[in-house]
Amino acid sequence: MRAALIQLHVSSEETAAQRWERAERILSQLKDRAVDLILLPELWGVGFSNFAQYREAAEPLHGETQIRLARWARDANAHIVTGSFIEKQEECLYNTTMLLDNSGNVMGNYRKIHLFGYNSQEQQLLTAGDKTSEIQTRYGKVGLATCYDLRFPEQFRRMVSRGTEAFLICAAWPKARIDDWKLFCRARALENQSFLLACNTCGKWNGEEGGGHSMIVSPEGKILAQAGEEEELLLADIDLQEVKDFRARFPALHDYTCIS
């Protein structure tokens, strides 16, 4: 499976329309690259820290994000993790991600469970999700997560207990804590013997700088590919059979005991 992570530059100096234009320009480069899976980052359309615009930017689950990216899924013949957007359902707002198949159909969605409270209004403005998301694809079972979720290992172990072989993560992780990002990405992959694909933002917004360093990590915790600090298209080939092989060779998950 060939994966493409689109590490987007997100800043307060541009509009959502300009970010869409740039994202679609990068997507157009993937038409003939035989890519199977494309990931975009967290809240790239509105900007994570642009809290004043959350309600205005909100859309239904099957709204602009799904409609526009469905076209690119078909054109590239690839699955797409949409990156997250502000979903509106009745009076509630969620930080939501979808997985589209190569025909543009929604295979599943995930509402961010762990909302960020440190120097952030996410907890005040949004409603937390209450379900993990595990989705069966033709390549294997994948689990969706978002940014701050990386700090909560129980969520990832639950996804693994339900058959997940690869974690697909969208993020807007800041440069100030990028060492934590690198540590958590490797740890969540290694302790769960799973691939981890994490797509981050870069750029500046309200004095906060995105950390970049999107990465693909093996089930053995090795970084197979990593972006820098600027906008970048990161490509890597992975084989989910490696998950089964490593788990059989070193069956640590079978030794897991839940301590009450």
C-alpha atoms as a PDB file:
ATOM      1  CA  MET A   1       0.000   0.000   0.000  1.00  0.00           C
ATOM      2  CA  ARG A   2       1.407   3.370  -0.999  1.00  0.00           C
ATOM      3  CA  ALA A   3       0.494   6.152   1.425  1.00  0.00           C
ATOM      4  CA  ALA A   4       0.694   9.898   0.872  1.00  0.00           C
ATOM      5  CA  LEU A   5       0.613  12.368   3.768  1.00  0.00           C
ATOM      6  CA  ILE A   6      -0.135  15.967   2.800  1.00  0.00           C
ATOM      7  CA  GLN A   7       1.531  18.160   5.420  1.00  0.00           C
ATOM      8  CA  LEU A   8      -0.236  21.464   4.794  1.00  0.00           C
ATOM      9  CA  HIS A   9       0.869  24.979   5.669  1.00  0.00           C
ATOM     10  CA  VAL A  10      -1.967  26.538   7.686  1.00  0.00           C
ATOM     11  CA  SER A  11      -1.655  30.203   8.667  1.00  0.00           C
ATOM     12  CA  SER A  12      -3.809  33.159   9.659  1.00  0.00           C
ATOM     13  CA  GLU A  13      -2.578  35.069   6.600  1.00  0.00           C
ATOM     14  CA  GLU A  14      -4.726  33.126   4.149  1.00  0.00           C
ATOM     15  CA  THR A  15      -8.352  32.196   3.635  1.00  0.00           C
ATOM     16  CA  ALA A  16      -9.973  28.787   3.675  1.00  0.00           C
ATOM     17  CA  ALA A  17     -10.440  29.114  -0.087  1.00  0.00           C
ATOM     18  CA  GLN A  18      -6.703  29.599  -0.538  1.00  0.00           C
ATOM     19  CA  ARG A  19      -5.969  26.521   1.590  1.00  0.00           C
ATOM     20  CA  TRP A  20      -8.425  24.469  -0.441  1.00  0.00           C
ATOM     21  CA  GLU A  21      -6.780  25.667  -3.648  1.00  0.00           C
ATOM     22  CA  ARG A  22      -3.350  24.629  -2.407  1.00  0.00           C
ATOM     23  CA  ALA A  23      -4.551  21.281  -1.051  1.00  0.00           C
ATOM     24  CA  GLU A  24      -6.239  20.462  -4.336  1.00  0.00           C
ATOM     25  CA  ARG A  25      -3.109  21.457  -6.250  1.00  0.00           C
ATOM     26  CA  ILE A  26      -1.163  18.885  -4.220  1.00  0.00           C
ATOM     27  CA  LEU A  27      -3.908  16.296  -4.674  1.00  0.00           C
ATOM     28  CA  SER A  28      -3.697  16.788  -8.436  1.00  0.00           C
ATOM     29  CA  GLN A  29      -0.070  15.603  -8.276  1.00  0.00           C
ATOM     30  CA  LEU A  30      -1.217  12.225  -6.973  1.00  0.00           C
ATOM     31  CA  LYS A  31      -3.380  11.199  -9.927  1.00  0.00           C
ATOM     32  CA  ASP A  32      -0.628   9.179 -11.589  1.00  0.00           C
ATOM     33  CA  ARG A  33       1.413   8.191  -8.523  1.00  0.00           C
ATOM     34  CA  ALA A  34      -0.385   4.870  -7.862  1.00  0.00           C
ATOM     35  CA  VAL A  35      -1.258   6.028  -4.345  1.00  0.00           C
ATOM     36  CA  ASP A  36      -3.640   3.869  -2.278  1.00  0.00           C
ATOM     37  CA  LEU A  37      -4.184   6.079   0.773  1.00  0.00           C
ATOM     38  CA  ILE A  38      -4.035   9.869   1.254  1.00  0.00           C
ATOM     39  CA  LEU A  39      -4.068  11.663   4.623  1.00  0.00           C
ATOM     40  CA  LEU A  40      -4.744  15.333   5.371  1.00  0.00           C
ATOM     41  CA  PRO A  41      -4.199  17.053   8.777  1.00  0.00           C
ATOM     42  CA  GLU A  42      -6.474  18.319  11.548  1.00  0.00           C
ATOM     43  CA  LEU A  43      -8.799  21.297  10.905  1.00  0.00           C
ATOM     44  CA  TRP A  44      -6.719  22.411   7.940  1.00  0.00           C
ATOM     45  CA  GLY A  45      -9.680  24.209   6.397  1.00  0.00           C
ATOM     46  CA  VAL A  46     -10.407  26.547   9.314  1.00  0.00           C
ATOM     47  CA  GLY A  47      -7.168  26.438  11.331  1.00  0.00           C
ATOM     48  CA  PHE A  48      -7.139  24.748  14.745  1.00  0.00           C
ATOM     49  CA  SER A  49      -6.673  27.927  16.791  1.00  0.00           C
ATOM     50  CA  ASN A  50      -9.129  30.012  14.762  1.00  0.00           C
ATOM     51  CA  PHE A  51     -11.785  29.457  17.436  1.00  0.00           C
ATOM     52  CA  ALA A  52     -13.848  32.507  16.497  1.00  0.00           C
ATOM     53  CA  GLN A  53     -14.622  30.935  13.114  1.00  0.00           C
ATOM     54  CA  TYR A  54     -15.556  27.433  14.277  1.00  0.00           C
ATOM     55  CA  ARG A  55     -19.311  27.911  14.127  1.00  0.00           C
ATOM     56  CA  GLU A  56     -19.209  29.753  10.811  1.00  0.00           C
ATOM     57  CA  ALA A  57     -16.991  27.057   9.291  1.00  0.00           C
ATOM     58  CA  ALA A  58     -19.144  24.170  10.568  1.00  0.00           C
ATOM     59  CA  GLU A  59     -20.719  21.841   8.022  1.00  0.00           C
ATOM     60  CA  PRO A  60     -22.813  18.657   8.045  1.00  0.00           C
ATOM     61  CA  LEU A  61     -21.102  15.273   7.867  1.00  0.00           C
ATOM     62  CA  HIS A  62     -21.864  15.000   4.154  1.00  0.00           C
ATOM     63  CA  GLY A  63     -20.940  18.578   3.362  1.00  0.00           C
ATOM     64  CA  GLU A  64     -18.292  20.447   1.402  1.00  0.00           C
ATOM     65  CA  THR A  65     -15.337  18.449   2.710  1.00  0.00           C
ATOM     66  CA  GLN A  66     -16.791  15.094   1.713  1.00  0.00           C
ATOM     67  CA  ILE A  67     -18.137  16.339  -1.610  1.00  0.00           C
ATOM     68  CA  ARG A  68     -14.913  18.013  -2.742  1.00  0.00           C
ATOM     69  CA  LEU A  69     -12.555  15.281  -1.566  1.00  0.00           C
ATOM     70  CA  ALA A  70     -14.751  12.522  -3.040  1.00  0.00           C
ATOM     71  CA  ARG A  71     -13.791  13.796  -6.478  1.00  0.00           C
ATOM     72  CA  TRP A  72     -10.092  13.476  -5.649  1.00  0.00           C
ATOM     73  CA  ALA A  73     -10.591   9.979  -4.234  1.00  0.00           C
ATOM     74  CA  ARG A  74     -12.047   8.959  -7.582  1.00  0.00           C
ATOM     75  CA  ASP A  75      -9.411  10.785  -9.633  1.00  0.00           C
ATOM     76  CA  ALA A  76      -6.511   9.267  -7.691  1.00  0.00           C
ATOM     77  CA  ASN A  77      -8.295   5.910  -7.197  1.00  0.00           C
ATOM     78  CA  ALA A  78      -7.289   6.175  -3.537  1.00  0.00           C
ATOM     79  CA  HIS A  79      -8.788   6.108  -0.078  1.00  0.00           C
ATOM     80  CA  ILE A  80      -8.680   9.534   1.597  1.00  0.00           C
ATOM     81  CA  VAL A  81      -8.570  10.447   5.266  1.00  0.00           C
ATOM     82  CA  THR A  82     -10.165  13.868   4.949  1.00  0.00           C
ATOM     83  CA  GLY A  83      -8.336  15.427   7.843  1.00  0.00           C
ATOM     84  CA  SER A  84     -10.723  16.864  10.398  1.00  0.00           C
ATOM     85  CA  PHE A  85     -13.329  19.589   9.999  1.00  0.00           C
ATOM     86  CA  ILE A  86     -15.936  21.188  12.244  1.00  0.00           C
ATOM     87  CA  GLU A  87     -19.026  19.025  11.965  1.00  0.00           C
ATOM     88  CA  LYS A  88     -22.391  20.463  12.952  1.00  0.00           C
ATOM     89  CA  GLN A  89     -25.177  18.164  14.082  1.00  0.00           C
ATOM     90  CA  GLU A  90     -28.162  20.076  15.417  1.00  0.00           C
ATOM     91  CA  GLU A  91     -26.652  22.385  18.080  1.00  0.00           C
ATOM     92  CA  CYS A  92     -23.475  20.387  18.660  1.00  0.00           C
ATOM     93  CA  LEU A  93     -20.098  20.933  17.004  1.00  0.00           C
ATOM     94  CA  TYR A  94     -17.525  18.151  16.669  1.00  0.00           C
ATOM     95  CA  ASN A  95     -13.928  17.793  15.471  1.00  0.00           C
ATOM     96  CA  THR A  96     -14.653  15.085  12.902  1.00  0.00           C
ATOM     97  CA  THR A  97     -12.617  13.024  10.451  1.00  0.00           C
ATOM     98  CA  MET A  98     -13.885  10.769   7.671  1.00  0.00           C
ATOM     99  CA  LEU A  99     -12.379   7.948   5.643  1.00  0.00           C
ATOM    100  CA  LEU A 100     -13.499   7.871   2.019  1.00  0.00           C
ATOM    101  CA  ASP A 101     -13.053   4.893  -0.277  1.00  0.00           C
ATOM    102  CA  ASN A 102     -11.641   5.206  -3.790  1.00  0.00           C
ATOM    103  CA  SER A 103     -15.140   5.945  -5.115  1.00  0.00           C
ATOM    104  CA  GLY A 104     -15.565   8.828  -2.691  1.00  0.00           C
ATOM    105  CA  ASN A 105     -18.026   7.017  -0.435  1.00  0.00           C
ATOM    106  CA  VAL A 106     -17.801   7.453   3.334  1.00  0.00           C
ATOM    107  CA  MET A 107     -16.485   4.250   4.922  1.00  0.00           C
ATOM    108  CA  GLY A 108     -16.542   5.622   8.452  1.00  0.00           C
ATOM    109  CA  ASN A 109     -16.015   8.703  10.568  1.00  0.00           C
ATOM    110  CA  TYR A 110     -14.502   9.640  13.919  1.00  0.00           C
ATOM    111  CA  ARG A 111     -15.326  12.443  16.349  1.00  0.00           C
ATOM    112  CA  LYS A 112     -12.325  13.497  18.425  1.00  0.00           C
ATOM    113  CA  ILE A 113     -12.667  12.065  21.923  1.00  0.00           C
ATOM    114  CA  HIS A 114      -9.961  14.009  23.774  1.00  0.00           C
ATOM    115  CA  LEU A 115     -10.514  17.744  23.288  1.00  0.00           C
ATOM    116  CA  PHE A 116      -7.554  19.991  24.021  1.00  0.00           C
ATOM    117  CA  GLY A 117      -7.872  22.374  26.960  1.00  0.00           C
ATOM    118  CA  TYR A 118      -4.405  23.879  27.414  1.00  0.00           C
ATOM    119  CA  ASN A 119      -4.433  27.454  26.017  1.00  0.00           C
ATOM    120  CA  SER A 120      -7.302  26.322  23.811  1.00  0.00           C
ATOM    121  CA  GLN A 121     -11.058  26.844  23.486  1.00  0.00           C
ATOM    122  CA  GLU A 122     -11.686  23.458  21.909  1.00  0.00           C
ATOM    123  CA  GLN A 123     -13.256  22.029  25.074  1.00  0.00           C
ATOM    124  CA  GLN A 124     -15.591  25.016  25.415  1.00  0.00           C
ATOM    125  CA  LEU A 125     -16.721  25.126  21.794  1.00  0.00           C
ATOM    126  CA  LEU A 126     -16.908  21.485  20.779  1.00  0.00           C
ATOM    127  CA  THR A 127     -18.565  18.300  21.981  1.00  0.00           C
ATOM    128  CA  ALA A 128     -16.325  15.293  22.555  1.00  0.00           C
ATOM    129  CA  GLY A 129     -16.902  12.087  20.674  1.00  0.00           C
ATOM    130  CA  ASP A 130     -17.561   8.920  22.664  1.00  0.00           C
ATOM    131  CA  LYS A 131     -16.634   6.108  20.271  1.00  0.00           C
ATOM    132  CA  THR A 132     -13.413   4.832  18.759  1.00  0.00           C
ATOM    133  CA  SER A 133     -13.435   4.193  15.028  1.00  0.00           C
ATOM    134  CA  GLU A 134     -12.155   0.979  13.442  1.00  0.00           C
ATOM    135  CA  ILE A 135     -12.776   0.528   9.727  1.00  0.00           C
ATOM    136  CA  GLN A 136     -12.185  -2.533   7.579  1.00  0.00           C
ATOM    137  CA  THR A 137     -10.530  -1.694   4.249  1.00  0.00           C
ATOM    138  CA  ARG A 138      -9.244  -3.919   1.466  1.00  0.00           C
ATOM    139  CA  TYR A 139      -5.763  -3.456   2.892  1.00  0.00           C
ATOM    140  CA  GLY A 140      -6.600  -4.280   6.517  1.00  0.00           C
ATOM    141  CA  LYS A 141      -8.368  -2.727   9.482  1.00  0.00           C
ATOM    142  CA  VAL A 142      -7.477   0.878  10.320  1.00  0.00           C
ATOM    143  CA  GLY A 143      -8.278   3.073  13.299  1.00  0.00           C
ATOM    144  CA  LEU A 144      -8.823   6.833  13.227  1.00  0.00           C
ATOM    145  CA  ALA A 145      -7.562   9.257  15.875  1.00  0.00           C
ATOM    146  CA  THR A 146      -6.859  12.973  16.172  1.00  0.00           C
ATOM    147  CA  CYS A 147      -3.878  14.864  17.599  1.00  0.00           C
ATOM    148  CA  TYR A 148      -4.286  15.112  21.409  1.00  0.00           C
ATOM    149  CA  ASP A 149      -5.609  11.516  21.434  1.00  0.00           C
ATOM    150  CA  LEU A 150      -1.965  10.440  21.114  1.00  0.00           C
ATOM    151  CA  ARG A 151      -1.476  11.217  24.812  1.00  0.00           C
ATOM    152  CA  PHE A 152      -4.065   8.600  25.830  1.00  0.00           C
ATOM    153  CA  PRO A 153      -2.741   5.084  25.120  1.00  0.00           C
ATOM    154  CA  GLU A 154      -5.921   3.316  26.263  1.00  0.00           C
ATOM    155  CA  GLN A 155      -7.729   4.555  23.168  1.00  0.00           C
ATOM    156  CA  PHE A 156      -5.190   2.919  20.889  1.00  0.00           C
ATOM    157  CA  ARG A 157      -5.160  -0.345  22.825  1.00  0.00           C
ATOM    158  CA  ARG A 158      -8.940  -0.501  22.514  1.00  0.00           C
ATOM    159  CA  MET A 159      -8.671  -0.073  18.735  1.00  0.00           C
ATOM    160  CA  VAL A 160      -6.096  -2.870  18.600  1.00  0.00           C
ATOM    161  CA  SER A 161      -8.361  -5.131  20.674  1.00  0.00           C
ATOM    162  CA  ARG A 162     -10.903  -4.637  17.879  1.00  0.00           C
ATOM    163  CA  GLY A 163      -8.500  -5.715  15.164  1.00  0.00           C
ATOM    164  CA  THR A 164      -6.787  -2.481  14.124  1.00  0.00           C
ATOM    165  CA  GLU A 165      -3.491  -2.896  12.256  1.00  0.00           C
ATOM    166  CA  ALA A 166      -2.757   0.734  11.355  1.00  0.00           C
ATOM    167  CA  PHE A 167      -3.551   4.028  13.068  1.00  0.00           C
ATOM    168  CA  LEU A 168      -4.410   6.975  10.806  1.00  0.00           C
ATOM    169  CA  ILE A 169      -3.963  10.241  12.670  1.00  0.00           C
ATOM    170  CA  CYS A 170      -4.623  13.834  11.670  1.00  0.00           C
ATOM    171  CA  ALA A 171      -3.093  16.557  13.816  1.00  0.00           C
ATOM    172  CA  ALA A 172      -2.326  20.224  14.376  1.00  0.00           C
ATOM    173  CA  TRP A 173       0.504  19.553  16.830  1.00  0.00           C
ATOM    174  CA  PRO A 174       2.602  22.627  17.755  1.00  0.00           C
ATOM    175  CA  LYS A 175       6.322  22.997  17.232  1.00  0.00           C
ATOM    176  CA  ALA A 176       6.752  23.867  20.923  1.00  0.00           C
ATOM    177  CA  ARG A 177       5.961  20.248  21.841  1.00  0.00           C
ATOM    178  CA  ILE A 178       7.288  18.464  18.762  1.00  0.00           C
ATOM    179  CA  ASP A 179       9.568  16.185  20.808  1.00  0.00           C
ATOM    180  CA  ASP A 180       6.432  14.856  22.532  1.00  0.00           C
ATOM    181  CA  TRP A 181       4.863  14.246  19.110  1.00  0.00           C
ATOM    182  CA  LYS A 182       7.820  12.176  17.944  1.00  0.00           C
ATOM    183  CA  LEU A 183       7.821  10.170  21.165  1.00  0.00           C
ATOM    184  CA  PHE A 184       4.086   9.466  21.200  1.00  0.00           C
ATOM    185  CA  CYS A 185       3.941   8.496  17.521  1.00  0.00           C
ATOM    186  CA  ARG A 186       6.673   5.907  17.986  1.00  0.00           C
ATOM    187  CA  ALA A 187       5.330   4.691  21.326  1.00  0.00           C
ATOM    188  CA  ARG A 188       1.737   4.195  20.133  1.00  0.00           C
ATOM    189  CA  ALA A 189       3.010   2.203  17.135  1.00  0.00           C
ATOM    190  CA  LEU A 190       5.494   0.076  19.091  1.00  0.00           C
ATOM    191  CA  GLU A 191       3.352  -0.762  22.128  1.00  0.00           C
ATOM    192  CA  ASN A 192       0.479  -1.821  19.845  1.00  0.00           C
ATOM    193  CA  GLN A 193       2.635  -3.482  17.171  1.00  0.00           C
ATOM    194  CA  SER A 194       0.823  -1.458  14.526  1.00  0.00           C
ATOM    195  CA  PHE A 195       1.672   0.918  11.721  1.00  0.00           C
ATOM    196  CA  LEU A 196       1.042   4.562  12.545  1.00  0.00           C
ATOM    197  CA  LEU A 197       0.559   7.271   9.916  1.00  0.00           C
ATOM    198  CA  ALA A 198       0.365  10.761  11.399  1.00  0.00           C
ATOM    199  CA  CYS A 199      -0.257  13.876   9.292  1.00  0.00           C
ATOM    200  CA  ASN A 200       0.483  17.247  10.932  1.00  0.00           C
ATOM    201  CA  THR A 201       0.246  20.910   9.936  1.00  0.00           C
ATOM    202  CA  CYS A 202       2.931  23.568   9.676  1.00  0.00           C
ATOM    203  CA  GLY A 203       2.676  27.378   9.529  1.00  0.00           C
ATOM    204  CA  LYS A 204       1.754  30.026  12.123  1.00  0.00           C
ATOM    205  CA  TRP A 205      -1.585  31.055  13.610  1.00  0.00           C
ATOM    206  CA  ASN A 206      -2.148  33.455  16.529  1.00  0.00           C
ATOM    207  CA  GLY A 207       1.486  33.113  17.551  1.00  0.00           C
ATOM    208  CA  GLU A 208       1.366  29.300  17.547  1.00  0.00           C
ATOM    209  CA  GLU A 209       3.581  27.476  15.055  1.00  0.00           C
ATOM    210  CA  GLY A 210       2.671  24.083  13.633  1.00  0.00           C
ATOM    211  CA  GLY A 211       5.318  21.464  14.186  1.00  0.00           C
ATOM    212  CA  GLY A 212       5.298  19.528  10.922  1.00  0.00           C
ATOM    213  CA  HIS A 213       7.259  16.270  11.116  1.00  0.00           C
ATOM    214  CA  SER A 214       4.422  14.160   9.766  1.00  0.00           C
ATOM    215  CA  MET A 215       5.569  10.565   9.858  1.00  0.00           C
ATOM    216  CA  ILE A 216       4.996   6.916   9.090  1.00  0.00           C
ATOM    217  CA  VAL A 217       6.080   4.494  11.816  1.00  0.00           C
ATOM    218  CA  SER A 218       6.478   0.722  11.589  1.00  0.00           C
ATOM    219  CA  PRO A 219       4.988  -1.820  14.043  1.00  0.00           C
ATOM    220  CA  GLU A 220       8.477  -2.044  15.549  1.00  0.00           C
ATOM    221  CA  GLY A 221       8.472   1.681  16.317  1.00  0.00           C
ATOM    222  CA  LYS A 222      10.876   2.648  13.537  1.00  0.00           C
ATOM    223  CA  ILE A 223      10.292   5.860  11.599  1.00  0.00           C
ATOM    224  CA  LEU A 224      10.026   4.820   7.951  1.00  0.00           C
ATOM    225  CA  ALA A 225       9.462   8.318   6.562  1.00  0.00           C
ATOM    226  CA  GLN A 226       9.318  11.776   8.132  1.00  0.00           C
ATOM    227  CA  ALA A 227       8.587  15.250   6.793  1.00  0.00           C
ATOM    228  CA  GLY A 228      10.413  18.418   7.775  1.00  0.00           C
ATOM    229  CA  GLU A 229       8.950  21.664   9.125  1.00  0.00           C
ATOM    230  CA  GLU A 230       7.535  23.085   5.869  1.00  0.00           C
ATOM    231  CA  GLU A 231       4.683  22.081   3.582  1.00  0.00           C
ATOM    232  CA  GLU A 232       5.510  18.697   2.125  1.00  0.00           C
ATOM    233  CA  LEU A 233       4.092  15.639   0.397  1.00  0.00           C
ATOM    234  CA  LEU A 234       5.373  12.543   2.211  1.00  0.00           C
ATOM    235  CA  LEU A 235       5.205   9.199   0.395  1.00  0.00           C
ATOM    236  CA  ALA A 236       5.996   5.693   1.616  1.00  0.00           C
ATOM    237  CA  ASP A 237       5.112   2.094   0.801  1.00  0.00           C
ATOM    238  CA  ILE A 238       3.912  -0.113   3.643  1.00  0.00           C
ATOM    239  CA  ASP A 239       2.653  -3.692   3.858  1.00  0.00           C
ATOM    240  CA  LEU A 240       0.155  -4.496   6.609  1.00  0.00           C
ATOM    241  CA  GLN A 241       1.288  -8.119   6.446  1.00  0.00           C
ATOM    242  CA  GLU A 242       4.265  -6.897   8.482  1.00  0.00           C
ATOM    243  CA  VAL A 243       1.878  -6.327  11.381  1.00  0.00           C
ATOM    244  CA  LYS A 244       0.734  -9.949  11.376  1.00  0.00           C
ATOM    245  CA  ASP A 245       4.305 -11.203  10.967  1.00  0.00           C
ATOM    246  CA  PHE A 246       5.698  -9.093  13.815  1.00  0.00           C
ATOM    247  CA  ARG A 247       2.827  -9.948  16.157  1.00  0.00           C
ATOM    248  CA  ALA A 248       3.353 -13.652  15.446  1.00  0.00           C
ATOM    249  CA  ARG A 249       7.122 -13.415  15.899  1.00  0.00           C
ATOM    250  CA  PHE A 250       6.914 -11.371  19.103  1.00  0.00           C
ATOM    251  CA  PRO A 251       3.417 -11.983  20.581  1.00  0.00           C
ATOM    252  CA  ALA A 252       3.510  -9.277  23.263  1.00  0.00           C
ATOM    253  CA  LEU A 253      -0.153  -8.391  22.756  1.00  0.00           C
ATOM    254  CA  HIS A 254      -1.138 -11.886  23.879  1.00  0.00           C
ATOM    255  CA  ASP A 255       0.580 -11.222  27.214  1.00  0.00           C
ATOM    256  CA  TYR A 256      -1.437  -8.075  27.911  1.00  0.00           C
ATOM    257  CA  THR A 257      -3.370  -8.092  31.178  1.00  0.00           C
ATOM    258  CA  CYS A 258      -5.870  -5.388  32.034  1.00  0.00           C
ATOM    259  CA  ILE A 259      -5.203  -4.405  35.659  1.00  0.00           C
ATOM    260  CA  SER A 260      -8.266  -3.118  37.507  1.00  0.00           C
END
